[in-house]
């Protein structure tokens, strides 16, 4: 397996979320990126292009990992199955501390799913599921 150089991949990202008092919402994004392994940890690196470009790095390690996003807003949230972990969201110089409770992590060939609840100041902001579907790009 390739370390650091990366295997080119195509991604379909499905984000499902439900905030208190609202209906469930789904968003779909496509991206190209790379997957690489370092010290038996798997990383997905890609750019999300919406109104602006956001660089995203996802790390999977056993029953945990993290998502780090850098763009107009910066975010880092950590995952550990069955645990509450710390994170943050920063925009325009203001940082909002977050907590994440990870209820489920699934890894299969070409697909990773993370299910979690997000909290700010002990108040639940919502329930989230992120699915990363990816295929290797062959030329």
N, C-alpha and C. Protein backbone atom coordinates (compact mmCIF):
# COMPACT_ATOMS: atom_id res chain seq x y z
N UNK A 1 0.83 -1.18 0.00
CA UNK A 1 0.00 0.00 0.00
C UNK A 1 0.87 1.24 0.00
N UNK A 2 0.38 2.25 -0.63
CA UNK A 2 1.15 3.47 -0.79
C UNK A 2 1.15 4.28 0.50
N UNK A 3 2.31 4.77 0.85
CA UNK A 3 2.42 5.63 2.02
C UNK A 3 2.73 7.04 1.55
N UNK A 4 2.01 8.03 1.99
CA UNK A 4 2.14 9.45 1.71
C UNK A 4 1.86 9.83 0.26
N UNK A 5 2.41 9.16 -0.75
CA UNK A 5 2.18 9.56 -2.14
C UNK A 5 0.69 9.47 -2.47
N UNK A 6 0.05 8.46 -1.99
CA UNK A 6 -1.39 8.36 -2.13
C UNK A 6 -1.86 7.63 -3.37
N UNK A 7 -3.00 7.03 -3.22
CA UNK A 7 -3.70 6.35 -4.30
C UNK A 7 -4.80 7.32 -4.74
N UNK A 8 -4.84 7.70 -6.02
CA UNK A 8 -5.90 8.61 -6.46
C UNK A 8 -7.28 7.97 -6.29
N UNK A 9 -8.23 8.75 -5.77
CA UNK A 9 -9.59 8.23 -5.55
C UNK A 9 -10.64 9.25 -5.98
N UNK A 10 -11.81 8.75 -6.29
CA UNK A 10 -13.02 9.54 -6.49
C UNK A 10 -13.89 9.32 -5.26
N UNK A 11 -14.45 10.38 -4.72
CA UNK A 11 -15.28 10.27 -3.52
C UNK A 11 -16.68 10.76 -3.77
N UNK A 12 -17.62 10.08 -3.13
CA UNK A 12 -18.98 10.59 -2.99
C UNK A 12 -19.19 10.70 -1.49
N UNK A 13 -19.51 11.90 -1.03
CA UNK A 13 -19.66 12.16 0.39
C UNK A 13 -21.13 12.47 0.66
N UNK A 14 -21.73 11.70 1.56
CA UNK A 14 -23.13 11.90 1.92
C UNK A 14 -23.17 12.29 3.39
N UNK A 15 -23.63 13.52 3.65
CA UNK A 15 -23.76 14.02 5.03
C UNK A 15 -25.24 14.07 5.38
N UNK A 16 -25.60 13.39 6.46
CA UNK A 16 -26.98 13.39 6.94
C UNK A 16 -26.97 14.01 8.33
N UNK A 17 -27.87 14.96 8.56
CA UNK A 17 -27.89 15.58 9.88
C UNK A 17 -29.31 15.96 10.27
N UNK A 18 -29.52 15.97 11.58
CA UNK A 18 -30.80 16.37 12.15
C UNK A 18 -30.50 17.23 13.37
N UNK A 19 -30.90 18.49 13.27
CA UNK A 19 -30.77 19.42 14.38
C UNK A 19 -32.07 19.39 15.19
N UNK A 20 -32.01 19.68 16.48
CA UNK A 20 -33.23 19.66 17.30
C UNK A 20 -34.34 20.53 16.67
N UNK A 21 -35.53 19.96 16.58
CA UNK A 21 -36.67 20.69 16.06
C UNK A 21 -36.74 20.82 14.55
N UNK A 22 -35.86 20.11 13.83
CA UNK A 22 -35.87 20.18 12.36
C UNK A 22 -35.98 18.78 11.77
N UNK A 23 -36.26 18.74 10.47
CA UNK A 23 -36.28 17.46 9.76
C UNK A 23 -34.87 17.05 9.39
N UNK A 24 -34.70 15.76 9.13
CA UNK A 24 -33.42 15.25 8.70
C UNK A 24 -33.09 15.83 7.32
N UNK A 25 -31.83 16.20 7.13
CA UNK A 25 -31.36 16.77 5.87
C UNK A 25 -30.18 15.95 5.36
N UNK A 26 -30.09 15.80 4.03
CA UNK A 26 -28.94 15.14 3.42
C UNK A 26 -28.29 16.07 2.41
N UNK A 27 -26.98 16.04 2.38
CA UNK A 27 -26.20 16.79 1.40
C UNK A 27 -25.25 15.82 0.72
N UNK A 28 -25.05 16.02 -0.58
CA UNK A 28 -24.18 15.16 -1.38
C UNK A 28 -23.08 16.00 -2.00
N UNK A 29 -21.87 15.48 -1.96
CA UNK A 29 -20.73 16.15 -2.60
C UNK A 29 -19.89 15.10 -3.30
N UNK A 30 -19.25 15.52 -4.35
CA UNK A 30 -18.28 14.67 -5.04
C UNK A 30 -16.93 15.37 -4.99
N UNK A 31 -15.89 14.57 -4.94
CA UNK A 31 -14.54 15.13 -4.87
C UNK A 31 -13.55 14.13 -5.43
N UNK A 32 -12.40 14.62 -5.82
CA UNK A 32 -11.28 13.76 -6.15
C UNK A 32 -10.23 14.00 -5.07
N UNK A 33 -9.47 12.99 -4.80
CA UNK A 33 -8.47 13.13 -3.76
C UNK A 33 -7.52 11.96 -3.77
N UNK A 34 -6.98 11.67 -2.60
CA UNK A 34 -6.06 10.54 -2.48
C UNK A 34 -6.27 9.84 -1.15
N UNK A 35 -5.91 8.57 -1.15
CA UNK A 35 -5.95 7.75 0.06
C UNK A 35 -4.53 7.27 0.28
N UNK A 36 -4.07 7.36 1.51
CA UNK A 36 -2.75 6.83 1.81
C UNK A 36 -2.73 6.24 3.21
N UNK A 37 -1.70 5.45 3.46
CA UNK A 37 -1.53 4.78 4.75
C UNK A 37 -0.23 5.24 5.37
N UNK A 38 -0.30 5.47 6.66
CA UNK A 38 0.90 5.85 7.40
C UNK A 38 0.80 5.20 8.77
N UNK A 39 1.77 4.40 9.11
CA UNK A 39 1.81 3.69 10.40
C UNK A 39 0.48 2.99 10.67
N UNK A 40 -0.01 2.26 9.68
CA UNK A 40 -1.23 1.45 9.75
C UNK A 40 -2.49 2.26 10.02
N UNK A 41 -2.45 3.54 9.68
CA UNK A 41 -3.64 4.41 9.76
C UNK A 41 -3.98 4.80 8.34
N UNK A 42 -5.28 4.89 8.03
CA UNK A 42 -5.71 5.25 6.68
C UNK A 42 -6.16 6.70 6.66
N UNK A 43 -5.74 7.41 5.63
CA UNK A 43 -6.08 8.82 5.47
C UNK A 43 -6.77 9.03 4.13
N UNK A 44 -7.79 9.87 4.11
CA UNK A 44 -8.43 10.35 2.89
C UNK A 44 -8.17 11.84 2.84
N UNK A 45 -7.61 12.31 1.72
CA UNK A 45 -7.32 13.74 1.56
C UNK A 45 -8.03 14.21 0.30
N UNK A 46 -8.81 15.30 0.42
CA UNK A 46 -9.54 15.81 -0.75
C UNK A 46 -9.93 17.26 -0.52
N UNK A 47 -10.37 17.90 -1.60
CA UNK A 47 -10.87 19.27 -1.53
C UNK A 47 -12.36 19.25 -1.82
N UNK A 48 -13.12 19.92 -0.96
CA UNK A 48 -14.55 20.11 -1.19
C UNK A 48 -14.72 21.48 -1.82
N UNK A 49 -15.42 21.51 -2.96
CA UNK A 49 -15.62 22.77 -3.65
C UNK A 49 -17.10 23.10 -3.61
N UNK A 50 -17.44 24.14 -2.86
CA UNK A 50 -18.81 24.68 -2.83
C UNK A 50 -18.66 26.14 -3.23
N UNK A 51 -19.08 27.08 -2.41
CA UNK A 51 -18.83 28.49 -2.70
C UNK A 51 -17.34 28.80 -2.55
N UNK A 52 -16.65 28.03 -1.75
CA UNK A 52 -15.22 28.18 -1.55
C UNK A 52 -14.59 26.79 -1.52
N UNK A 53 -13.27 26.76 -1.49
CA UNK A 53 -12.55 25.48 -1.45
C UNK A 53 -12.19 25.17 0.00
N UNK A 54 -12.50 23.96 0.42
CA UNK A 54 -12.16 23.50 1.76
C UNK A 54 -11.30 22.26 1.64
N UNK A 55 -10.11 22.29 2.22
CA UNK A 55 -9.23 21.12 2.23
C UNK A 55 -9.62 20.25 3.41
N UNK A 56 -9.83 18.96 3.13
CA UNK A 56 -10.29 18.04 4.16
C UNK A 56 -9.32 16.87 4.26
N UNK A 57 -9.04 16.48 5.50
CA UNK A 57 -8.24 15.30 5.78
C UNK A 57 -9.01 14.47 6.79
N UNK A 58 -9.24 13.19 6.46
CA UNK A 58 -9.94 12.27 7.35
C UNK A 58 -8.97 11.16 7.71
N UNK A 59 -8.85 10.88 9.00
CA UNK A 59 -7.95 9.82 9.48
C UNK A 59 -8.79 8.75 10.15
N UNK A 60 -8.53 7.50 9.80
CA UNK A 60 -9.18 6.36 10.44
C UNK A 60 -8.12 5.51 11.11
N UNK A 61 -8.38 5.21 12.38
CA UNK A 61 -7.45 4.40 13.15
C UNK A 61 -8.26 3.54 14.10
N UNK A 62 -8.42 2.26 13.77
CA UNK A 62 -9.18 1.36 14.62
C UNK A 62 -10.59 1.86 14.84
N UNK A 63 -10.94 2.16 16.10
CA UNK A 63 -12.29 2.62 16.42
C UNK A 63 -12.35 4.14 16.58
N UNK A 64 -11.42 4.84 15.94
CA UNK A 64 -11.41 6.29 16.07
C UNK A 64 -10.79 6.97 14.87
N UNK A 65 -10.51 8.25 15.06
CA UNK A 65 -9.91 9.05 14.01
C UNK A 65 -10.29 10.50 14.17
N UNK A 66 -10.18 11.25 13.08
CA UNK A 66 -10.57 12.66 13.11
C UNK A 66 -10.92 13.15 11.72
N UNK A 67 -11.59 14.29 11.68
CA UNK A 67 -11.84 15.03 10.45
C UNK A 67 -11.26 16.42 10.69
N UNK A 68 -10.41 16.86 9.75
CA UNK A 68 -9.86 18.21 9.82
C UNK A 68 -10.22 18.91 8.51
N UNK A 69 -10.88 20.05 8.62
CA UNK A 69 -11.28 20.84 7.45
C UNK A 69 -10.65 22.21 7.56
N UNK A 70 -10.07 22.68 6.43
CA UNK A 70 -9.45 24.01 6.40
C UNK A 70 -9.94 24.76 5.18
N UNK A 71 -10.49 25.94 5.43
CA UNK A 71 -11.01 26.79 4.38
C UNK A 71 -11.40 28.12 5.00
N UNK A 72 -12.53 28.67 4.58
CA UNK A 72 -13.03 29.90 5.20
C UNK A 72 -13.21 29.66 6.70
N UNK A 73 -13.71 28.48 7.03
CA UNK A 73 -13.82 28.06 8.43
C UNK A 73 -12.91 26.85 8.63
N UNK A 74 -12.33 26.74 9.80
CA UNK A 74 -11.50 25.58 10.16
C UNK A 74 -12.23 24.76 11.20
N UNK A 75 -12.14 23.44 11.06
CA UNK A 75 -12.80 22.56 12.02
C UNK A 75 -11.94 21.32 12.21
N UNK A 76 -11.93 20.86 13.42
CA UNK A 76 -11.31 19.57 13.72
C UNK A 76 -12.17 18.90 14.77
N UNK A 77 -12.64 17.70 14.45
CA UNK A 77 -13.37 16.90 15.43
C UNK A 77 -12.75 15.52 15.46
N UNK A 78 -12.64 14.99 16.66
CA UNK A 78 -12.05 13.66 16.86
C UNK A 78 -13.14 12.67 17.19
N UNK A 79 -12.89 11.42 16.80
CA UNK A 79 -13.85 10.34 17.02
C UNK A 79 -13.20 9.21 17.79
N UNK A 80 -13.92 8.69 18.75
CA UNK A 80 -13.53 7.47 19.45
C UNK A 80 -14.83 6.78 19.83
N UNK A 81 -15.04 5.60 19.30
CA UNK A 81 -16.29 4.88 19.46
C UNK A 81 -16.69 4.78 20.93
N UNK A 82 -17.93 5.22 21.24
CA UNK A 82 -18.48 5.15 22.58
C UNK A 82 -17.93 6.18 23.55
N UNK A 83 -17.16 7.14 23.07
CA UNK A 83 -16.53 8.14 23.93
C UNK A 83 -16.94 9.55 23.52
N UNK A 84 -16.83 10.47 24.45
CA UNK A 84 -16.99 11.89 24.15
C UNK A 84 -15.59 12.47 23.96
N UNK A 85 -15.38 13.15 22.85
CA UNK A 85 -14.08 13.72 22.53
C UNK A 85 -14.23 15.21 22.24
N UNK A 86 -13.13 15.90 22.17
CA UNK A 86 -13.10 17.35 21.96
C UNK A 86 -12.92 17.68 20.49
N UNK A 87 -13.32 18.89 20.16
CA UNK A 87 -13.12 19.42 18.82
C UNK A 87 -13.27 20.92 18.86
N UNK A 88 -13.16 21.54 17.68
CA UNK A 88 -13.36 22.99 17.61
C UNK A 88 -13.76 23.41 16.20
N UNK A 89 -14.38 24.56 16.13
CA UNK A 89 -14.78 25.19 14.88
C UNK A 89 -14.34 26.63 14.98
N UNK A 90 -13.54 27.09 14.00
CA UNK A 90 -13.00 28.45 14.02
C UNK A 90 -13.38 29.18 12.75
N UNK A 91 -13.92 30.39 12.90
CA UNK A 91 -14.26 31.22 11.75
C UNK A 91 -14.05 32.68 12.13
N UNK A 92 -13.37 33.42 11.26
CA UNK A 92 -13.09 34.85 11.47
C UNK A 92 -12.43 35.11 12.82
N UNK A 93 -11.52 34.22 13.22
CA UNK A 93 -10.78 34.41 14.45
C UNK A 93 -11.48 34.01 15.73
N UNK A 94 -12.71 33.55 15.63
CA UNK A 94 -13.46 33.11 16.82
C UNK A 94 -13.52 31.60 16.83
N UNK A 95 -13.18 31.01 17.96
CA UNK A 95 -13.17 29.56 18.09
C UNK A 95 -14.30 29.11 19.01
N UNK A 96 -15.03 28.12 18.55
CA UNK A 96 -16.12 27.54 19.33
C UNK A 96 -15.70 26.10 19.70
N UNK A 97 -15.51 25.82 21.00
CA UNK A 97 -15.18 24.46 21.41
C UNK A 97 -16.38 23.54 21.20
N UNK A 98 -16.11 22.31 20.79
CA UNK A 98 -17.15 21.31 20.54
C UNK A 98 -16.83 20.03 21.27
N UNK A 99 -17.86 19.21 21.47
CA UNK A 99 -17.69 17.85 21.96
C UNK A 99 -18.43 16.93 21.00
N UNK A 100 -17.88 15.75 20.81
CA UNK A 100 -18.44 14.78 19.89
C UNK A 100 -18.62 13.45 20.62
N UNK A 101 -19.82 12.87 20.52
CA UNK A 101 -20.03 11.51 21.02
C UNK A 101 -20.22 10.61 19.81
N UNK A 102 -19.32 9.66 19.62
CA UNK A 102 -19.35 8.77 18.46
C UNK A 102 -20.11 7.50 18.82
N UNK A 103 -21.21 7.27 18.10
CA UNK A 103 -22.04 6.11 18.38
C UNK A 103 -21.74 4.93 17.46
N UNK A 104 -21.16 5.19 16.28
CA UNK A 104 -20.92 4.08 15.35
C UNK A 104 -19.87 4.48 14.33
N UNK A 105 -18.98 3.55 14.04
CA UNK A 105 -17.99 3.69 12.97
C UNK A 105 -17.99 2.38 12.20
N UNK A 106 -18.13 2.48 10.88
CA UNK A 106 -18.14 1.29 10.03
C UNK A 106 -17.08 1.46 8.94
N UNK A 107 -16.26 0.44 8.75
CA UNK A 107 -15.26 0.43 7.69
C UNK A 107 -15.53 -0.79 6.82
N UNK A 108 -15.76 -0.58 5.54
CA UNK A 108 -15.82 -1.66 4.57
C UNK A 108 -15.00 -1.24 3.36
N UNK A 109 -14.78 -2.14 2.45
CA UNK A 109 -14.02 -1.83 1.25
C UNK A 109 -14.71 -0.71 0.47
N UNK A 110 -14.04 0.42 0.34
CA UNK A 110 -14.58 1.53 -0.43
C UNK A 110 -15.63 2.37 0.27
N UNK A 111 -15.82 2.17 1.57
CA UNK A 111 -16.86 2.93 2.29
C UNK A 111 -16.50 3.03 3.77
N UNK A 112 -16.63 4.24 4.29
CA UNK A 112 -16.48 4.48 5.73
C UNK A 112 -17.67 5.30 6.18
N UNK A 113 -18.21 4.98 7.35
CA UNK A 113 -19.34 5.71 7.92
C UNK A 113 -19.02 6.08 9.36
N UNK A 114 -19.34 7.33 9.71
CA UNK A 114 -19.18 7.81 11.08
C UNK A 114 -20.53 8.37 11.51
N UNK A 115 -21.03 7.90 12.66
CA UNK A 115 -22.28 8.41 13.22
C UNK A 115 -21.95 9.03 14.57
N UNK A 116 -22.38 10.28 14.75
CA UNK A 116 -22.02 10.98 15.98
C UNK A 116 -23.04 12.06 16.33
N UNK A 117 -22.99 12.49 17.58
CA UNK A 117 -23.76 13.63 18.08
C UNK A 117 -22.78 14.73 18.40
N UNK A 118 -23.18 15.97 18.09
CA UNK A 118 -22.32 17.12 18.28
C UNK A 118 -22.89 18.02 19.37
N UNK A 119 -22.02 18.48 20.29
CA UNK A 119 -22.44 19.30 21.42
C UNK A 119 -21.60 20.57 21.49
N UNK A 120 -22.24 21.66 21.91
CA UNK A 120 -21.54 22.88 22.25
C UNK A 120 -22.04 23.32 23.61
N UNK A 121 -21.14 23.57 24.53
CA UNK A 121 -21.51 23.95 25.91
C UNK A 121 -22.53 22.99 26.50
N UNK A 122 -22.30 21.70 26.31
CA UNK A 122 -23.16 20.61 26.81
C UNK A 122 -24.55 20.57 26.18
N UNK A 123 -24.83 21.44 25.22
CA UNK A 123 -26.12 21.43 24.53
C UNK A 123 -25.98 20.71 23.20
N UNK A 124 -26.88 19.75 22.97
CA UNK A 124 -26.82 18.96 21.75
C UNK A 124 -27.19 19.82 20.54
N UNK A 125 -26.27 19.87 19.57
CA UNK A 125 -26.50 20.64 18.36
C UNK A 125 -27.14 19.79 17.26
N UNK A 126 -26.96 18.47 17.35
CA UNK A 126 -27.56 17.61 16.34
C UNK A 126 -26.90 16.25 16.26
N UNK A 127 -27.53 15.39 15.45
CA UNK A 127 -27.01 14.06 15.15
C UNK A 127 -26.54 14.05 13.70
N UNK A 128 -25.40 13.44 13.47
CA UNK A 128 -24.76 13.49 12.16
C UNK A 128 -24.32 12.09 11.72
N UNK A 129 -24.38 11.87 10.42
CA UNK A 129 -23.80 10.69 9.80
C UNK A 129 -23.05 11.16 8.57
N UNK A 130 -21.81 10.74 8.43
CA UNK A 130 -21.04 11.05 7.23
C UNK A 130 -20.61 9.73 6.60
N UNK A 131 -20.97 9.57 5.33
CA UNK A 131 -20.56 8.40 4.55
C UNK A 131 -19.55 8.84 3.51
N UNK A 132 -18.39 8.19 3.50
CA UNK A 132 -17.37 8.42 2.48
C UNK A 132 -17.35 7.17 1.60
N UNK A 133 -17.83 7.30 0.37
CA UNK A 133 -17.77 6.23 -0.62
C UNK A 133 -16.64 6.59 -1.57
N UNK A 134 -15.70 5.68 -1.77
CA UNK A 134 -14.57 6.02 -2.63
C UNK A 134 -14.16 4.84 -3.49
N UNK A 135 -13.68 5.19 -4.67
CA UNK A 135 -13.17 4.19 -5.61
C UNK A 135 -11.82 4.67 -6.11
N UNK A 136 -10.94 3.72 -6.36
CA UNK A 136 -9.62 4.05 -6.87
C UNK A 136 -9.75 4.49 -8.32
N UNK A 137 -9.01 5.52 -8.67
CA UNK A 137 -9.01 6.02 -10.05
C UNK A 137 -7.98 5.22 -10.82
N UNK A 138 -8.43 4.57 -11.88
CA UNK A 138 -7.52 3.82 -12.74
C UNK A 138 -7.45 4.52 -14.09
N UNK A 139 -6.28 4.55 -14.65
CA UNK A 139 -6.11 5.28 -15.93
C UNK A 139 -6.05 4.34 -17.08
